[in-house]
C-alpha atoms as a PDB file:
ATOM      1  CA  MET A   1       9.182 -56.903  51.061  1.00  0.00           C
ATOM      2  CA  LYS A   2       7.083 -55.501  53.586  1.00  0.00           C
ATOM      3  CA  THR A   3       4.515 -54.290  51.757  1.00  0.00           C
ATOM      4  CA  ILE A   4       4.041 -57.481  49.499  1.00  0.00           C
ATOM      5  CA  VAL A   5       3.306 -59.141  52.979  1.00  0.00           C
ATOM      6  CA  ARG A   6       0.644 -56.217  54.609  1.00  0.00           C
ATOM      7  CA  GLN A   7      -1.233 -57.051  51.390  1.00  0.00           C
ATOM      8  CA  PHE A   8      -1.154 -60.946  50.901  1.00  0.00           C
ATOM      9  CA  GLU A   9      -2.425 -60.891  54.744  1.00  0.00           C
ATOM     10  CA  LYS A  10      -5.565 -58.714  53.805  1.00  0.00           C
ATOM     11  CA  ARG A  11      -6.462 -60.652  50.834  1.00  0.00           C
ATOM     12  CA  ARG A  12      -6.969 -63.409  53.628  1.00  0.00           C
ATOM     13  CA  ALA A  13     -10.188 -62.340  54.772  1.00  0.00           C
ATOM     14  CA  PHE A  14     -13.922 -62.368  52.858  1.00  0.00           C
ATOM     15  CA  THR A  15     -15.532 -59.570  51.703  1.00  0.00           C
ATOM     16  CA  ILE A  16     -19.313 -58.553  52.173  1.00  0.00           C
ATOM     17  CA  VAL A  17     -20.748 -59.518  49.058  1.00  0.00           C
ATOM     18  CA  GLU A  18     -19.176 -62.909  49.202  1.00  0.00           C
ATOM     19  CA  LEU A  19     -20.265 -63.529  52.652  1.00  0.00           C
ATOM     20  CA  LEU A  20     -23.875 -62.422  51.179  1.00  0.00           C
ATOM     21  CA  THR A  21     -23.536 -64.773  48.658  1.00  0.00           C
ATOM     22  CA  VAL A  22     -22.436 -67.769  50.139  1.00  0.00           C
ATOM     23  CA  MET A  23     -25.419 -66.989  52.270  1.00  0.00           C
ATOM     24  CA  SER A  24     -27.777 -66.469  49.748  1.00  0.00           C
ATOM     25  CA  ILE A  25     -26.810 -69.963  48.543  1.00  0.00           C
ATOM     26  CA  ILE A  26     -27.226 -71.986  50.891  1.00  0.00           C
ATOM     27  CA  VAL A  27     -30.743 -70.778  52.366  1.00  0.00           C
ATOM     28  CA  ILE A  28     -31.675 -71.890  48.114  1.00  0.00           C
ATOM     29  CA  LEU A  29     -30.605 -74.995  49.085  1.00  0.00           C
ATOM     30  CA  ILE A  30     -32.430 -75.777  52.366  1.00  0.00           C
ATOM     31  CA  GLY A  31     -35.292 -74.245  50.584  1.00  0.00           C
ATOM     32  CA  LEU A  32     -34.721 -76.862  48.001  1.00  0.00           C
ATOM     33  CA  LEU A  33     -34.146 -80.031  50.438  1.00  0.00           C
ATOM     34  CA  VAL A  34     -36.810 -79.462  53.148  1.00  0.00           C
ATOM     35  CA  PRO A  35     -39.641 -79.235  50.651  1.00  0.00           C
ATOM     36  CA  ALA A  36     -37.935 -83.194  49.592  1.00  0.00           C
ATOM     37  CA  LEU A  37     -37.209 -84.422  53.107  1.00  0.00           C
ATOM     38  CA  ASN A  38     -41.027 -83.977  54.228  1.00  0.00           C
ATOM     39  CA  LYS A  39     -42.121 -85.525  51.272  1.00  0.00           C
ATOM     40  CA  VAL A  40     -39.987 -87.995  51.915  1.00  0.00           C
ATOM     41  CA  ARG A  41     -41.321 -88.378  56.190  1.00  0.00           C
ATOM     42  CA  ILE A  42     -44.305 -88.450  54.468  1.00  0.00           C
ATOM     43  CA  TYR A  43     -43.608 -91.612  52.080  1.00  0.00           C
ATOM     44  CA  ALA A  44     -41.947 -92.786  55.162  1.00  0.00           C
ATOM     45  CA  LYS A  45     -45.352 -92.505  57.412  1.00  0.00           C
ATOM     46  CA  GLU A  46     -47.370 -93.341  54.725  1.00  0.00           C
ATOM     47  CA  VAL A  47     -45.128 -97.247  54.451  1.00  0.00           C
ATOM     48  CA  THR A  48     -46.039 -97.369  58.493  1.00  0.00           C
ATOM     49  CA  GLN A  49     -49.188 -97.083  57.954  1.00  0.00           C
ATOM     50  CA  ASN A  50     -50.125 -99.440  55.114  1.00  0.00           C
ATOM     51  CA  ALA A  51     -47.680-102.176  57.339  1.00  0.00           C
ATOM     52  CA  GLN A  52     -50.364-101.854  60.321  1.00  0.00           C
ATOM     53  CA  PHE A  53     -52.990-102.246  57.836  1.00  0.00           C
ATOM     54  CA  HIS A  54     -51.460-105.355  56.545  1.00  0.00           C
ATOM     55  CA  SER A  55     -51.113-106.180  60.400  1.00  0.00           C
ATOM     56  CA  ILE A  56     -54.398-105.489  61.036  1.00  0.00           C
ATOM     57  CA  GLU A  57     -56.019-107.359  58.221  1.00  0.00           C
ATOM     58  CA  ALA A  58     -53.795-110.873  59.642  1.00  0.00           C
ATOM     59  CA  ALA A  59     -55.103-110.296  62.644  1.00  0.00           C
ATOM     60  CA  LEU A  60     -58.994-109.904  61.029  1.00  0.00           C
ATOM     61  CA  GLU A  61     -57.635-113.209  59.161  1.00  0.00           C
ATOM     62  CA  LEU A  62     -57.868-115.075  62.228  1.00  0.00           C
ATOM     63  CA  PHE A  63     -61.315-113.457  63.549  1.00  0.00           C
ATOM     64  CA  ASN A  64     -62.835-114.814  60.834  1.00  0.00           C
ATOM     65  CA  ASN A  65     -61.240-118.196  61.013  1.00  0.00           C
ATOM     66  CA  ALA A  66     -62.483-118.519  64.333  1.00  0.00           C
ATOM     67  CA  PHE A  67     -65.344-116.922  64.097  1.00  0.00           C
ATOM     68  CA  ASP A  68     -66.956-117.636  60.529  1.00  0.00           C
ATOM     69  CA  GLY A  69     -67.264-113.821  59.808  1.00  0.00           C
ATOM     70  CA  TYR A  70     -65.784-110.722  59.904  1.00  0.00           C
ATOM     71  CA  PRO A  71     -66.368-108.260  63.262  1.00  0.00           C
ATOM     72  CA  ASP A  72     -69.656-106.149  62.411  1.00  0.00           C
ATOM     73  CA  SER A  73     -69.168-102.606  62.113  1.00  0.00           C
ATOM     74  CA  ALA A  74     -73.114-101.172  62.888  1.00  0.00           C
ATOM     75  CA  ALA A  75     -72.663 -97.968  64.603  1.00  0.00           C
ATOM     76  CA  VAL A  76     -74.391 -99.348  67.137  1.00  0.00           C
ATOM     77  CA  ASP A  77     -74.520-101.995  69.582  1.00  0.00           C
ATOM     78  CA  SER A  78     -76.527-105.213  69.817  1.00  0.00           C
ATOM     79  CA  SER A  79     -78.637-104.427  73.135  1.00  0.00           C
ATOM     80  CA  GLY A  80     -80.967-102.310  71.310  1.00  0.00           C
ATOM     81  CA  SER A  81     -80.780 -99.160  72.909  1.00  0.00           C
ATOM     82  CA  MET A  82     -78.972 -96.998  70.336  1.00  0.00           C
ATOM     83  CA  TYR A  83     -75.399 -97.431  72.331  1.00  0.00           C
ATOM     84  CA  LEU A  84     -73.281 -95.853  70.009  1.00  0.00           C
ATOM     85  CA  TYR A  85     -70.751 -98.096  69.341  1.00  0.00           C
ATOM     86  CA  CYS A  86     -69.312 -97.638  65.506  1.00  0.00           C
ATOM     87  CA  GLY A  87     -67.000 -99.856  63.502  1.00  0.00           C
ATOM     88  CA  ALA A  88     -63.823 -98.483  65.224  1.00  0.00           C
ATOM     89  CA  MET A  89     -64.491 -99.565  68.485  1.00  0.00           C
ATOM     90  CA  LYS A  90     -65.780-102.946  67.437  1.00  0.00           C
ATOM     91  CA  LEU A  91     -63.079-103.562  65.840  1.00  0.00           C
ATOM     92  CA  CYS A  92     -60.609-102.891  68.493  1.00  0.00           C
ATOM     93  CA  GLU A  93     -62.554-105.316  70.718  1.00  0.00           C
ATOM     94  CA  ALA A  94     -62.462-108.007  68.221  1.00  0.00           C
ATOM     95  CA  MET A  95     -59.118-107.185  68.547  1.00  0.00           C
ATOM     96  CA  MET A  96     -58.239-106.915  71.442  1.00  0.00           C
ATOM     97  CA  GLY A  97     -61.238-107.189  73.881  1.00  0.00           C
ATOM     98  CA  GLN A  98     -62.083-104.055  75.695  1.00  0.00           C
ATOM     99  CA  ASP A  99     -59.875-104.283  78.115  1.00  0.00           C
ATOM    100  CA  MET A 100     -56.969-105.788  75.994  1.00  0.00           C
ATOM    101  CA  LEU A 101     -56.769-109.176  76.992  1.00  0.00           C
ATOM    102  CA  GLY A 102     -58.627-111.128  74.612  1.00  0.00           C
ATOM    103  CA  PHE A 103     -62.018-110.795  72.480  1.00  0.00           C
ATOM    104  CA  HIS A 104     -64.268-113.237  74.381  1.00  0.00           C
ATOM    105  CA  SER A 105     -65.799-116.069  72.565  1.00  0.00           C
ATOM    106  CA  ASN A 106     -69.716-114.539  74.197  1.00  0.00           C
ATOM    107  CA  SER A 107     -69.627-111.392  72.750  1.00  0.00           C
ATOM    108  CA  VAL A 108     -72.150-110.257  70.753  1.00  0.00           C
ATOM    109  CA  PHE A 109     -70.429-106.425  71.097  1.00  0.00           C
ATOM    110  CA  ARG A 110     -72.404-104.707  73.373  1.00  0.00           C
ATOM    111  CA  ALA A 111     -71.119-101.218  74.538  1.00  0.00           C
ATOM    112  CA  ASP A 112     -70.902-102.054  77.951  1.00  0.00           C
ATOM    113  CA  GLY A 113     -69.518-105.516  77.580  1.00  0.00           C
ATOM    114  CA  ARG A 114     -72.015-107.270  78.905  1.00  0.00           C
ATOM    115  CA  ASP A 115     -73.704-111.061  77.274  1.00  0.00           C
ATOM    116  CA  ALA A 116     -76.976-110.753  75.271  1.00  0.00           C
ATOM    117  CA  ALA A 117     -79.175-110.475  77.839  1.00  0.00           C
ATOM    118  CA  GLY A 118     -77.373-108.042  79.479  1.00  0.00           C
ATOM    119  CA  ALA A 119     -75.941-110.131  82.872  1.00  0.00           C
ATOM    120  CA  THR A 120     -72.811-111.324  82.733  1.00  0.00           C
ATOM    121  CA  LEU A 121     -70.562-108.638  82.731  1.00  0.00           C
ATOM    122  CA  LEU A 122     -68.446-110.944  79.772  1.00  0.00           C
ATOM    123  CA  TYR A 123     -64.719-108.492  79.855  1.00  0.00           C
ATOM    124  CA  ASP A 124     -63.660-108.968  83.794  1.00  0.00           C
ATOM    125  CA  PRO A 125     -60.690-109.088  83.562  1.00  0.00           C
ATOM    126  CA  THR A 126     -60.374-111.001  86.847  1.00  0.00           C
ATOM    127  CA  ALA A 127     -62.712-113.797  85.910  1.00  0.00           C
ATOM    128  CA  ASP A 128     -61.731-117.033  84.343  1.00  0.00           C
ATOM    129  CA  LEU A 129     -60.046-116.113  80.924  1.00  0.00           C
ATOM    130  CA  THR A 130     -59.874-119.385  78.802  1.00  0.00           C
ATOM    131  CA  ALA A 131     -63.319-117.875  76.770  1.00  0.00           C
ATOM    132  CA  ARG A 132     -60.923-115.481  75.460  1.00  0.00           C
ATOM    133  CA  LYS A 133     -59.520-115.905  71.644  1.00  0.00           C
ATOM    134  CA  GLY A 134     -56.453-113.802  71.279  1.00  0.00           C
ATOM    135  CA  PRO A 135     -55.222-110.739  71.175  1.00  0.00           C
ATOM    136  CA  TYR A 136     -55.103-110.933  67.570  1.00  0.00           C
ATOM    137  CA  LEU A 137     -52.944-107.939  67.548  1.00  0.00           C
ATOM    138  CA  PRO A 138     -49.924-107.442  70.350  1.00  0.00           C
ATOM    139  CA  PRO A 139     -50.899-105.581  72.492  1.00  0.00           C
ATOM    140  CA  GLU A 140     -47.425-104.291  72.577  1.00  0.00           C
ATOM    141  CA  SER A 141     -47.385-102.161  69.208  1.00  0.00           C
ATOM    142  CA  ALA A 142     -51.690-101.755  69.040  1.00  0.00           C
ATOM    143  CA  ASP A 143     -51.786 -98.107  69.610  1.00  0.00           C
ATOM    144  CA  ALA A 144     -55.561 -98.551  71.319  1.00  0.00           C
ATOM    145  CA  VAL A 145     -56.947 -95.598  72.777  1.00  0.00           C
ATOM    146  CA  GLU A 146     -59.833 -94.450  74.751  1.00  0.00           C
ATOM    147  CA  VAL A 147     -62.232 -92.204  72.642  1.00  0.00           C
ATOM    148  CA  GLY A 148     -62.264 -90.095  75.980  1.00  0.00           C
ATOM    149  CA  GLU A 149     -58.750 -89.430  75.881  1.00  0.00           C
ATOM    150  CA  ILE A 150     -58.788 -88.125  71.903  1.00  0.00           C
ATOM    151  CA  TRP A 151     -61.723 -86.038  72.738  1.00  0.00           C
ATOM    152  CA  PRO A 152     -61.359 -85.190  76.542  1.00  0.00           C
ATOM    153  CA  THR A 153     -64.380 -82.466  75.830  1.00  0.00           C
ATOM    154  CA  LYS A 154     -66.297 -84.384  73.643  1.00  0.00           C
ATOM    155  CA  VAL A 155     -66.663 -87.506  75.134  1.00  0.00           C
ATOM    156  CA  THR A 156     -66.990 -87.598  78.771  1.00  0.00           C
ATOM    157  CA  ALA A 157     -70.057 -90.428  79.328  1.00  0.00           C
ATOM    158  CA  THR A 158     -68.853 -93.774  81.533  1.00  0.00           C
ATOM    159  CA  THR A 159     -71.777 -95.999  81.360  1.00  0.00           C
ATOM    160  CA  PRO A 160     -73.826 -96.384  77.962  1.00  0.00           C
ATOM    161  CA  SER A 161     -76.142 -93.478  77.115  1.00  0.00           C
ATOM    162  CA  ALA A 162     -78.447 -93.485  73.864  1.00  0.00           C
ATOM    163  CA  GLY A 163     -76.848 -91.392  71.100  1.00  0.00           C
ATOM    164  CA  ALA A 164     -73.719 -90.906  72.928  1.00  0.00           C
ATOM    165  CA  PHE A 165     -70.008 -92.991  73.416  1.00  0.00           C
ATOM    166  CA  MET A 166     -68.385 -94.502  76.610  1.00  0.00           C
ATOM    167  CA  ALA A 167     -64.990 -92.734  77.291  1.00  0.00           C
ATOM    168  CA  ARG A 168     -63.755 -95.762  77.665  1.00  0.00           C
ATOM    169  CA  SER A 169     -64.504 -97.371  74.727  1.00  0.00           C
ATOM    170  CA  ARG A 170     -61.669 -98.129  72.951  1.00  0.00           C
ATOM    171  CA  VAL A 171     -60.071 -97.765  68.914  1.00  0.00           C
ATOM    172  CA  LEU A 172     -56.959 -99.093  67.195  1.00  0.00           C
ATOM    173  CA  CYS A 173     -55.062 -95.231  66.231  1.00  0.00           C
ATOM    174  CA  ASP A 174     -53.331 -94.923  63.133  1.00  0.00           C
ATOM    175  CA  VAL A 175     -49.571 -94.675  63.063  1.00  0.00           C
ATOM    176  CA  TYR A 176     -49.730 -90.384  62.333  1.00  0.00           C
ATOM    177  CA  THR A 177     -49.130 -89.665  66.502  1.00  0.00           C
ATOM    178  CA  ARG A 178     -49.657 -85.700  67.904  1.00  0.00           C
ATOM    179  CA  ARG A 179     -50.060 -85.579  71.225  1.00  0.00           C
ATOM    180  CA  LEU A 180     -53.464 -85.047  72.047  1.00  0.00           C
ATOM    181  CA  ASP A 181     -55.917 -82.316  74.471  1.00  0.00           C
ATOM    182  CA  SER A 182     -55.765 -84.927  77.234  1.00  0.00           C
ATOM    183  CA  GLY A 183     -51.292 -84.970  77.413  1.00  0.00           C
ATOM    184  CA  ARG A 184     -51.089 -88.384  75.568  1.00  0.00           C
ATOM    185  CA  LYS A 185     -49.601 -89.250  72.061  1.00  0.00           C
ATOM    186  CA  ALA A 186     -51.853 -90.838  69.518  1.00  0.00           C
ATOM    187  CA  GLY A 187     -53.435 -91.036  66.499  1.00  0.00           C
ATOM    188  CA  MET A 188     -56.691 -90.756  65.004  1.00  0.00           C
ATOM    189  CA  PRO A 189     -58.875 -93.979  65.008  1.00  0.00           C
ATOM    190  CA  VAL A 190     -58.460 -96.744  61.698  1.00  0.00           C
ATOM    191  CA  LEU A 191     -61.749 -96.509  60.315  1.00  0.00           C
ATOM    192  CA  TYR A 192     -63.328 -99.881  60.158  1.00  0.00           C
ATOM    193  CA  TYR A 193     -66.268-101.013  57.292  1.00  0.00           C
ATOM    194  CA  LYS A 194     -67.406-104.567  56.703  1.00  0.00           C
ATOM    195  CA  ALA A 195     -69.425-105.553  53.816  1.00  0.00           C
ATOM    196  CA  ASP A 196     -72.675-106.574  53.837  1.00  0.00           C
ATOM    197  CA  THR A 197     -72.236-109.899  51.896  1.00  0.00           C
ATOM    198  CA  THR A 198     -75.540-111.226  52.939  1.00  0.00           C
ATOM    199  CA  GLY A 199     -77.139-110.551  49.233  1.00  0.00           C
ATOM    200  CA  LYS A 200     -79.480-107.766  50.744  1.00  0.00           C
ATOM    201  CA  GLY A 201     -76.065-105.858  50.065  1.00  0.00           C
ATOM    202  CA  ARG A 202     -76.271-105.168  46.043  1.00  0.00           C
ATOM    203  CA  PHE A 203     -75.946-101.250  45.267  1.00  0.00           C
ATOM    204  CA  HIS A 204     -73.410 -98.699  45.916  1.00  0.00           C
ATOM    205  CA  ASP A 205     -75.292 -95.860  45.238  1.00  0.00           C
ATOM    206  CA  PRO A 206     -74.983 -92.460  47.361  1.00  0.00           C
ATOM    207  CA  SER A 207     -78.457 -91.726  46.401  1.00  0.00           C
ATOM    208  CA  ARG A 208     -79.846 -93.980  48.657  1.00  0.00           C
ATOM    209  CA  ALA A 209     -78.222 -92.296  52.245  1.00  0.00           C
ATOM    210  CA  ALA A 210     -80.656 -89.709  52.523  1.00  0.00           C
ATOM    211  CA  THR A 211     -82.959 -92.545  53.828  1.00  0.00           C
ATOM    212  CA  MET A 212     -80.058 -95.022  55.601  1.00  0.00           C
ATOM    213  CA  THR A 213     -80.065 -96.210  59.019  1.00  0.00           C
ATOM    214  CA  PRO A 214     -77.728 -97.347  61.031  1.00  0.00           C
ATOM    215  CA  THR A 215     -79.389-100.575  61.198  1.00  0.00           C
ATOM    216  CA  ASP A 216     -80.272-100.289  57.540  1.00  0.00           C
ATOM    217  CA  ASN A 217     -78.398 -99.865  54.418  1.00  0.00           C
ATOM    218  CA  ARG A 218     -81.236 -99.474  52.682  1.00  0.00           C
ATOM    219  CA  GLY A 219     -79.573-102.231  50.274  1.00  0.00           C
ATOM    220  CA  ASN A 220     -75.817-100.302  49.914  1.00  0.00           C
ATOM    221  CA  ILE A 221     -72.790-102.839  50.533  1.00  0.00           C
ATOM    222  CA  TYR A 222     -71.507-100.672  52.572  1.00  0.00           C
ATOM    223  CA  ASN A 223     -73.055 -98.197  54.959  1.00  0.00           C
ATOM    224  CA  PHE A 224     -71.093 -95.208  55.566  1.00  0.00           C
ATOM    225  CA  LEU A 225     -72.674 -94.238  58.946  1.00  0.00           C
ATOM    226  CA  ASP A 226     -71.023 -96.939  60.495  1.00  0.00           C
ATOM    227  CA  ASN A 227     -68.369 -93.994  61.731  1.00  0.00           C
ATOM    228  CA  GLN A 228     -70.008 -90.816  60.700  1.00  0.00           C
ATOM    229  CA  ASP A 229     -70.684 -89.682  64.500  1.00  0.00           C
ATOM    230  CA  LEU A 230     -67.223 -90.581  65.293  1.00  0.00           C
ATOM    231  CA  ILE A 231     -66.192 -88.467  62.221  1.00  0.00           C
ATOM    232  CA  ASP A 232     -67.991 -86.085  62.975  1.00  0.00           C
ATOM    233  CA  LEU A 233     -65.984 -85.115  66.414  1.00  0.00           C
ATOM    234  CA  GLY A 234     -63.971 -83.516  64.559  1.00  0.00           C
ATOM    235  CA  MET A 235     -59.978 -83.023  64.742  1.00  0.00           C
ATOM    236  CA  PRO A 236     -59.125 -82.900  68.330  1.00  0.00           C
ATOM    237  CA  GLY A 237     -58.363 -79.808  70.320  1.00  0.00           C
ATOM    238  CA  ALA A 238     -59.845 -77.836  66.759  1.00  0.00           C
ATOM    239  CA  ALA A 239     -62.811 -76.613  69.281  1.00  0.00           C
ATOM    240  CA  ALA A 240     -60.681 -75.408  72.295  1.00  0.00           C
ATOM    241  CA  ALA A 241     -58.568 -73.509  69.812  1.00  0.00           C
ATOM    242  CA  GLY A 242     -61.889 -71.852  68.476  1.00  0.00           C
ATOM    243  CA  MET A 243     -61.835 -73.280  64.769  1.00  0.00           C
ATOM    244  CA  PRO A 244     -64.956 -73.591  63.114  1.00  0.00           C
ATOM    245  CA  TYR A 245     -65.425 -77.627  61.930  1.00  0.00           C
ATOM    246  CA  VAL A 246     -66.706 -78.745  58.999  1.00  0.00           C
ATOM    247  CA  PRO A 247     -66.175 -82.748  58.303  1.00  0.00           C
ATOM    248  CA  LYS A 248     -65.033 -83.894  54.596  1.00  0.00           C
ATOM    249  CA  MET A 249     -66.178 -87.391  54.877  1.00  0.00           C
ATOM    250  CA  ASP A 250     -69.621 -86.840  54.709  1.00  0.00           C
ATOM    251  CA  PHE A 251     -70.952 -90.174  52.052  1.00  0.00           C
ATOM    252  CA  ASN A 252     -70.706 -88.485  48.772  1.00  0.00           C
ATOM    253  CA  ARG A 253     -67.323 -88.184  49.317  1.00  0.00           C
ATOM    254  CA  PHE A 254     -67.391 -91.990  51.725  1.00  0.00           C
ATOM    255  CA  TYR A 255     -68.978 -93.569  48.855  1.00  0.00           C
ATOM    256  CA  LYS A 256     -67.266 -91.584  45.753  1.00  0.00           C
ATOM    257  CA  ASN A 257     -63.809 -92.367  46.990  1.00  0.00           C
ATOM    258  CA  THR A 258     -64.558 -96.150  47.818  1.00  0.00           C
ATOM    259  CA  LEU A 259     -66.075 -96.980  44.784  1.00  0.00           C
ATOM    260  CA  SER A 260     -64.301 -99.699  42.688  1.00  0.00           C
ATOM    261  CA  ASP A 261     -62.364 -98.076  39.385  1.00  0.00           C
ATOM    262  CA  LYS A 262     -61.704-101.961  37.942  1.00  0.00           C
ATOM    263  CA  VAL A 263     -65.721-102.648  37.674  1.00  0.00           C
ATOM    264  CA  THR A 264     -67.532-100.773  34.779  1.00  0.00           C
ATOM    265  CA  THR A 265     -70.413-102.532  34.191  1.00  0.00           C
ATOM    266  CA  VAL A 266     -72.463-101.661  37.955  1.00  0.00           C
ATOM    267  CA  ASP A 267     -71.078 -99.426  40.324  1.00  0.00           C
ATOM    268  CA  ARG A 268     -69.419-101.685  42.715  1.00  0.00           C
ATOM    269  CA  PRO A 269     -66.866-100.660  46.169  1.00  0.00           C
ATOM    270  CA  PHE A 270     -63.275-101.761  46.847  1.00  0.00           C
ATOM    271  CA  ARG A 271     -63.099-104.680  47.937  1.00  0.00           C
ATOM    272  CA  ALA A 272     -66.812-105.633  47.683  1.00  0.00           C
ATOM    273  CA  ASP A 273     -66.837-108.864  50.034  1.00  0.00           C
ATOM    274  CA  THR A 274     -64.501-108.059  52.738  1.00  0.00           C
ATOM    275  CA  TYR A 275     -64.682-104.842  54.529  1.00  0.00           C
ATOM    276  CA  ILE A 276     -62.723-101.228  54.392  1.00  0.00           C
ATOM    277  CA  LEU A 277     -59.946 -99.729  56.553  1.00  0.00           C
ATOM    278  CA  ILE A 278     -59.205 -96.038  56.384  1.00  0.00           C
ATOM    279  CA  SER A 279     -56.574 -93.722  57.941  1.00  0.00           C
ATOM    280  CA  ALA A 280     -56.650 -90.111  58.251  1.00  0.00           C
ATOM    281  CA  GLY A 281     -53.128 -89.172  57.147  1.00  0.00           C
ATOM    282  CA  TYR A 282     -51.649 -86.792  58.077  1.00  0.00           C
ATOM    283  CA  ASP A 283     -53.923 -84.385  58.442  1.00  0.00           C
ATOM    284  CA  ALA A 284     -55.833 -86.204  60.900  1.00  0.00           C
ATOM    285  CA  GLU A 285     -59.056 -85.281  58.691  1.00  0.00           C
ATOM    286  CA  TYR A 286     -61.017 -87.709  56.782  1.00  0.00           C
ATOM    287  CA  GLY A 287     -62.418 -87.479  53.247  1.00  0.00           C
ATOM    288  CA  THR A 288     -59.075 -85.214  52.492  1.00  0.00           C
ATOM    289  CA  ALA A 289     -56.356 -86.486  49.517  1.00  0.00           C
ATOM    290  CA  ASP A 290     -53.646 -87.740  52.039  1.00  0.00           C
ATOM    291  CA  ASP A 291     -55.996 -90.686  53.679  1.00  0.00           C
ATOM    292  CA  ILE A 292     -55.142 -93.867  53.530  1.00  0.00           C
ATOM    293  CA  MET A 293     -57.192 -96.485  52.513  1.00  0.00           C
ATOM    294  CA  ASN A 294     -56.415-100.417  53.040  1.00  0.00           C
ATOM    295  CA  PHE A 295     -56.502-100.435  48.416  1.00  0.00           C
ATOM    296  CA  LYS A 296     -55.336 -98.070  46.207  1.00  0.00           C
ATOM    297  CA  TRP A 297     -57.358 -95.649  45.138  1.00  0.00           C
ATOM    298  CA  ASP A 298     -57.515 -91.894  43.612  1.00  0.00           C
ATOM    299  CA  TYR A 299     -58.736 -88.940  45.796  1.00  0.00           C
ATOM    300  CA  LYS A 300     -62.088 -87.673  43.993  1.00  0.00           C
ATOM    301  CA  GLU A 301     -62.360 -83.822  45.341  1.00  0.00           C
ATOM    302  CA  LEU A 302     -66.526 -82.835  44.908  1.00  0.00           C
ATOM    303  CA  VAL A 303     -66.792 -79.766  43.323  1.00  0.00           C
ATOM    304  CA  PRO A 304     -70.382 -78.159  44.459  1.00  0.00           C
END
């Protein structure tokens, strides 16, 4: 009887082979589960990003109704001094105002926040706010970030200067937040391009890009230069980490990826009569397959 009990007690333990088998199965299951969970997380972020675009679009319609047109998106301000003030920054000013207290009805989209003559500072938080409209987006939910916080080593100017961004100019950031060099968590700027509906904008032709300027789209409906100086700043932290950076979003990729596949008689862009919004997506790099735009599109890789 004692022998039988002793044998039963020995059988209660797992063998090394059994333990290794169970561990192998667990590892295989984890290997199958993690990619699936990652896809779910990426899809959830994409849904959130599209929801942000819907909010911005609703706000832009309110702006359009109030001012009979969408905000300008040219890469320079209206002062004639070639101060860099691109589409992403103008979008943020139109939605929030430069000081987050609403858009000033006398604004001409100058980087320094002054009137057309340059004499009066419009965005003075201590002044009468009756001339303000909005904010069209709630300040608590709109991730408006100064470009100096996104690129602290590249954007340092505190006053407008020709060919440079002001560090305090704000942009609306997408939902793909990451910790920046400044310590703040934020996404990449939402790019904004306004369609030229004056009659001069009739084409969607990358071959015209060579002679384009920030103020002359050479007959194209969209000017890829509207945000290109901002794109060329690269991914935050890349320079500090010694990572070479070549922007993926050049004029060929911009015009190819915004080309509508619904019109076959002539090259036409998506949303030819309004505007385009672009998020850099999960990889924080514009011009790649995970970009998100305010329309359904297919990434078109360019083969050299």
